[in-house]
């Protein structure tokens, strides 16, 4: 019974951490994108992708760390 709770909380903590980090790291990137000029749409998209790149890298690293620690136990 206790191991079921441990598994549940590990999975829940993983999802909550990924969601919270995604939201916290994506807000500045979305706020930085304020271009309304149609000629600058492509540069705005490039800026948005480049701003989100660290978020993607952090999420991948955190997910890999969580999975590696879950295998250790």
N, C-alpha and C. Protein backbone atom coordinates (compact mmCIF):
# COMPACT_ATOMS: atom_id res chain seq x y z
N UNK A 1 0.83 -1.19 0.00
CA UNK A 1 0.00 0.00 0.00
C UNK A 1 0.87 1.26 0.00
N UNK A 2 1.95 1.21 0.77
CA UNK A 2 2.82 2.37 0.87
C UNK A 2 3.55 2.64 -0.44
N UNK A 3 3.92 1.58 -1.15
CA UNK A 3 4.63 1.77 -2.42
C UNK A 3 3.72 2.40 -3.48
N UNK A 4 2.42 2.13 -3.40
CA UNK A 4 1.49 2.75 -4.34
C UNK A 4 1.45 4.26 -4.14
N UNK A 5 1.47 4.68 -2.87
CA UNK A 5 1.49 6.11 -2.59
C UNK A 5 2.78 6.75 -3.07
N UNK A 6 3.90 6.04 -2.87
CA UNK A 6 5.19 6.57 -3.32
C UNK A 6 5.20 6.75 -4.83
N UNK A 7 4.71 5.76 -5.55
CA UNK A 7 4.67 5.85 -7.01
C UNK A 7 3.77 6.99 -7.47
N UNK A 8 2.62 7.12 -6.81
CA UNK A 8 1.69 8.18 -7.18
C UNK A 8 2.32 9.55 -6.98
N UNK A 9 2.95 9.77 -5.82
CA UNK A 9 3.53 11.07 -5.53
C UNK A 9 4.75 11.36 -6.39
N UNK A 10 5.50 10.34 -6.77
CA UNK A 10 6.63 10.55 -7.67
C UNK A 10 6.15 11.01 -9.04
N UNK A 11 5.14 10.35 -9.56
CA UNK A 11 4.60 10.74 -10.86
C UNK A 11 3.97 12.12 -10.80
N UNK A 12 3.24 12.39 -9.73
CA UNK A 12 2.60 13.69 -9.58
C UNK A 12 3.64 14.79 -9.43
N UNK A 13 4.68 14.54 -8.67
CA UNK A 13 5.73 15.55 -8.49
C UNK A 13 6.44 15.83 -9.81
N UNK A 14 6.65 14.80 -10.59
CA UNK A 14 7.30 14.97 -11.90
C UNK A 14 6.46 15.87 -12.79
N UNK A 15 5.18 15.60 -12.86
CA UNK A 15 4.29 16.39 -13.72
C UNK A 15 4.14 17.82 -13.22
N UNK A 16 4.03 17.98 -11.91
CA UNK A 16 3.88 19.32 -11.35
C UNK A 16 5.14 20.13 -11.58
N UNK A 17 6.31 19.51 -11.41
CA UNK A 17 7.57 20.22 -11.63
C UNK A 17 7.72 20.65 -13.08
N UNK A 18 7.39 19.76 -14.00
CA UNK A 18 7.50 20.11 -15.41
C UNK A 18 6.51 21.21 -15.79
N UNK A 19 5.30 21.14 -15.27
CA UNK A 19 4.30 22.17 -15.59
C UNK A 19 4.70 23.52 -14.99
N UNK A 20 5.14 23.51 -13.75
CA UNK A 20 5.52 24.76 -13.10
C UNK A 20 6.73 25.39 -13.76
N UNK A 21 7.72 24.58 -14.10
CA UNK A 21 8.91 25.15 -14.76
C UNK A 21 8.57 25.64 -16.16
N UNK A 22 7.70 24.93 -16.84
CA UNK A 22 7.30 25.38 -18.17
C UNK A 22 6.56 26.70 -18.13
N UNK A 23 5.66 26.85 -17.17
CA UNK A 23 4.92 28.10 -17.04
C UNK A 23 5.83 29.24 -16.60
N UNK A 24 6.66 28.97 -15.60
CA UNK A 24 7.52 30.03 -15.06
C UNK A 24 8.57 30.48 -16.07
N UNK A 25 9.05 29.57 -16.89
CA UNK A 25 10.08 29.93 -17.86
C UNK A 25 9.50 30.43 -19.17
N UNK A 26 8.26 30.09 -19.48
CA UNK A 26 7.68 30.51 -20.75
C UNK A 26 7.09 31.92 -20.69
N UNK A 27 6.69 32.37 -19.52
CA UNK A 27 6.06 33.69 -19.42
C UNK A 27 6.98 34.82 -19.89
N UNK A 28 8.24 34.88 -19.48
CA UNK A 28 9.10 35.96 -20.01
C UNK A 28 9.31 35.87 -21.52
N UNK A 29 9.37 34.66 -22.03
CA UNK A 29 9.57 34.50 -23.47
C UNK A 29 8.34 34.99 -24.24
N UNK A 30 7.16 34.70 -23.73
CA UNK A 30 5.94 35.16 -24.39
C UNK A 30 5.80 36.67 -24.24
N UNK A 31 6.16 37.19 -23.09
CA UNK A 31 6.06 38.63 -22.87
C UNK A 31 7.06 39.40 -23.74
N UNK A 32 8.17 38.78 -24.09
CA UNK A 32 9.17 39.45 -24.92
C UNK A 32 8.69 39.60 -26.35
N UNK A 33 7.74 38.78 -26.76
CA UNK A 33 7.24 38.83 -28.14
C UNK A 33 6.09 39.83 -28.20
N UNK A 34 6.37 41.05 -28.67
CA UNK A 34 5.34 42.09 -28.72
C UNK A 34 5.24 42.71 -30.11
N UNK A 35 5.78 42.06 -31.12
CA UNK A 35 5.80 42.62 -32.47
C UNK A 35 4.41 42.57 -33.09
N UNK A 36 3.94 43.72 -33.63
CA UNK A 36 2.66 43.75 -34.32
C UNK A 36 2.82 44.12 -35.79
N UNK A 37 4.02 44.48 -36.21
CA UNK A 37 4.28 44.84 -37.60
C UNK A 37 4.30 43.57 -38.45
N UNK A 38 3.55 43.55 -39.54
CA UNK A 38 3.48 42.35 -40.37
C UNK A 38 4.80 42.03 -41.06
N UNK A 39 5.63 43.05 -41.30
CA UNK A 39 6.93 42.80 -41.92
C UNK A 39 7.89 42.11 -40.97
N UNK A 40 7.65 42.24 -39.70
CA UNK A 40 8.55 41.66 -38.70
C UNK A 40 8.01 40.36 -38.13
N UNK A 41 7.03 39.76 -38.78
CA UNK A 41 6.43 38.53 -38.25
C UNK A 41 7.45 37.41 -38.21
N UNK A 42 8.22 37.25 -39.28
CA UNK A 42 9.19 36.16 -39.30
C UNK A 42 10.28 36.37 -38.27
N UNK A 43 10.74 37.60 -38.11
CA UNK A 43 11.77 37.83 -37.09
C UNK A 43 11.17 37.66 -35.69
N UNK A 44 9.89 37.98 -35.53
CA UNK A 44 9.24 37.75 -34.25
C UNK A 44 9.13 36.29 -33.91
N UNK A 45 8.82 35.47 -34.91
CA UNK A 45 8.74 34.03 -34.69
C UNK A 45 10.11 33.47 -34.35
N UNK A 46 11.13 33.93 -35.05
CA UNK A 46 12.50 33.48 -34.76
C UNK A 46 12.89 33.89 -33.35
N UNK A 47 12.56 35.12 -32.95
CA UNK A 47 12.87 35.57 -31.59
C UNK A 47 12.13 34.74 -30.55
N UNK A 48 10.88 34.39 -30.83
CA UNK A 48 10.12 33.58 -29.89
C UNK A 48 10.72 32.19 -29.74
N UNK A 49 11.10 31.58 -30.86
CA UNK A 49 11.71 30.24 -30.81
C UNK A 49 13.03 30.30 -30.05
N UNK A 50 13.83 31.32 -30.32
CA UNK A 50 15.11 31.44 -29.63
C UNK A 50 14.91 31.72 -28.14
N UNK A 51 13.84 32.42 -27.78
CA UNK A 51 13.56 32.68 -26.37
C UNK A 51 13.07 31.42 -25.67
N UNK A 52 12.35 30.55 -26.39
CA UNK A 52 11.84 29.32 -25.79
C UNK A 52 12.87 28.20 -25.76
N UNK A 53 13.95 28.32 -26.50
CA UNK A 53 14.95 27.26 -26.56
C UNK A 53 15.52 26.90 -25.18
N UNK A 54 15.88 27.86 -24.32
CA UNK A 54 16.37 27.48 -22.98
C UNK A 54 15.32 26.74 -22.16
N UNK A 55 14.05 27.09 -22.35
CA UNK A 55 12.98 26.39 -21.62
C UNK A 55 12.94 24.93 -22.03
N UNK A 56 13.03 24.68 -23.32
CA UNK A 56 13.00 23.31 -23.82
C UNK A 56 14.19 22.52 -23.29
N UNK A 57 15.36 23.14 -23.31
CA UNK A 57 16.57 22.46 -22.83
C UNK A 57 16.46 22.15 -21.34
N UNK A 58 15.96 23.10 -20.55
CA UNK A 58 15.81 22.88 -19.11
C UNK A 58 14.82 21.76 -18.83
N UNK A 59 13.71 21.74 -19.54
CA UNK A 59 12.71 20.69 -19.33
C UNK A 59 13.28 19.32 -19.67
N UNK A 60 14.03 19.22 -20.76
CA UNK A 60 14.62 17.94 -21.14
C UNK A 60 15.62 17.48 -20.08
N UNK A 61 16.45 18.39 -19.57
CA UNK A 61 17.44 18.03 -18.56
C UNK A 61 16.76 17.61 -17.26
N UNK A 62 15.75 18.36 -16.82
CA UNK A 62 15.03 18.02 -15.59
C UNK A 62 14.34 16.68 -15.72
N UNK A 63 13.72 16.43 -16.86
CA UNK A 63 13.05 15.14 -17.07
C UNK A 63 14.05 13.99 -17.03
N UNK A 64 15.22 14.17 -17.64
CA UNK A 64 16.24 13.12 -17.62
C UNK A 64 16.75 12.87 -16.21
N UNK A 65 16.93 13.94 -15.44
CA UNK A 65 17.38 13.77 -14.05
C UNK A 65 16.34 13.05 -13.20
N UNK A 66 15.09 13.42 -13.36
CA UNK A 66 14.04 12.78 -12.58
C UNK A 66 13.95 11.30 -12.93
N UNK A 67 14.02 10.98 -14.22
CA UNK A 67 13.96 9.57 -14.62
C UNK A 67 15.16 8.79 -14.10
N UNK A 68 16.34 9.40 -14.09
CA UNK A 68 17.52 8.68 -13.60
C UNK A 68 17.42 8.44 -12.10
N UNK A 69 16.89 9.40 -11.34
CA UNK A 69 16.74 9.20 -9.91
C UNK A 69 15.64 8.20 -9.60
N UNK A 70 14.62 8.13 -10.44
CA UNK A 70 13.56 7.15 -10.21
C UNK A 70 14.08 5.74 -10.43
N UNK A 71 15.02 5.56 -11.34
CA UNK A 71 15.60 4.23 -11.57
C UNK A 71 16.50 3.80 -10.42
N UNK A 72 17.07 4.74 -9.69
CA UNK A 72 17.98 4.42 -8.60
C UNK A 72 17.26 3.80 -7.42
N UNK A 73 15.99 4.16 -7.22
CA UNK A 73 15.27 3.66 -6.04
C UNK A 73 14.56 2.37 -6.33
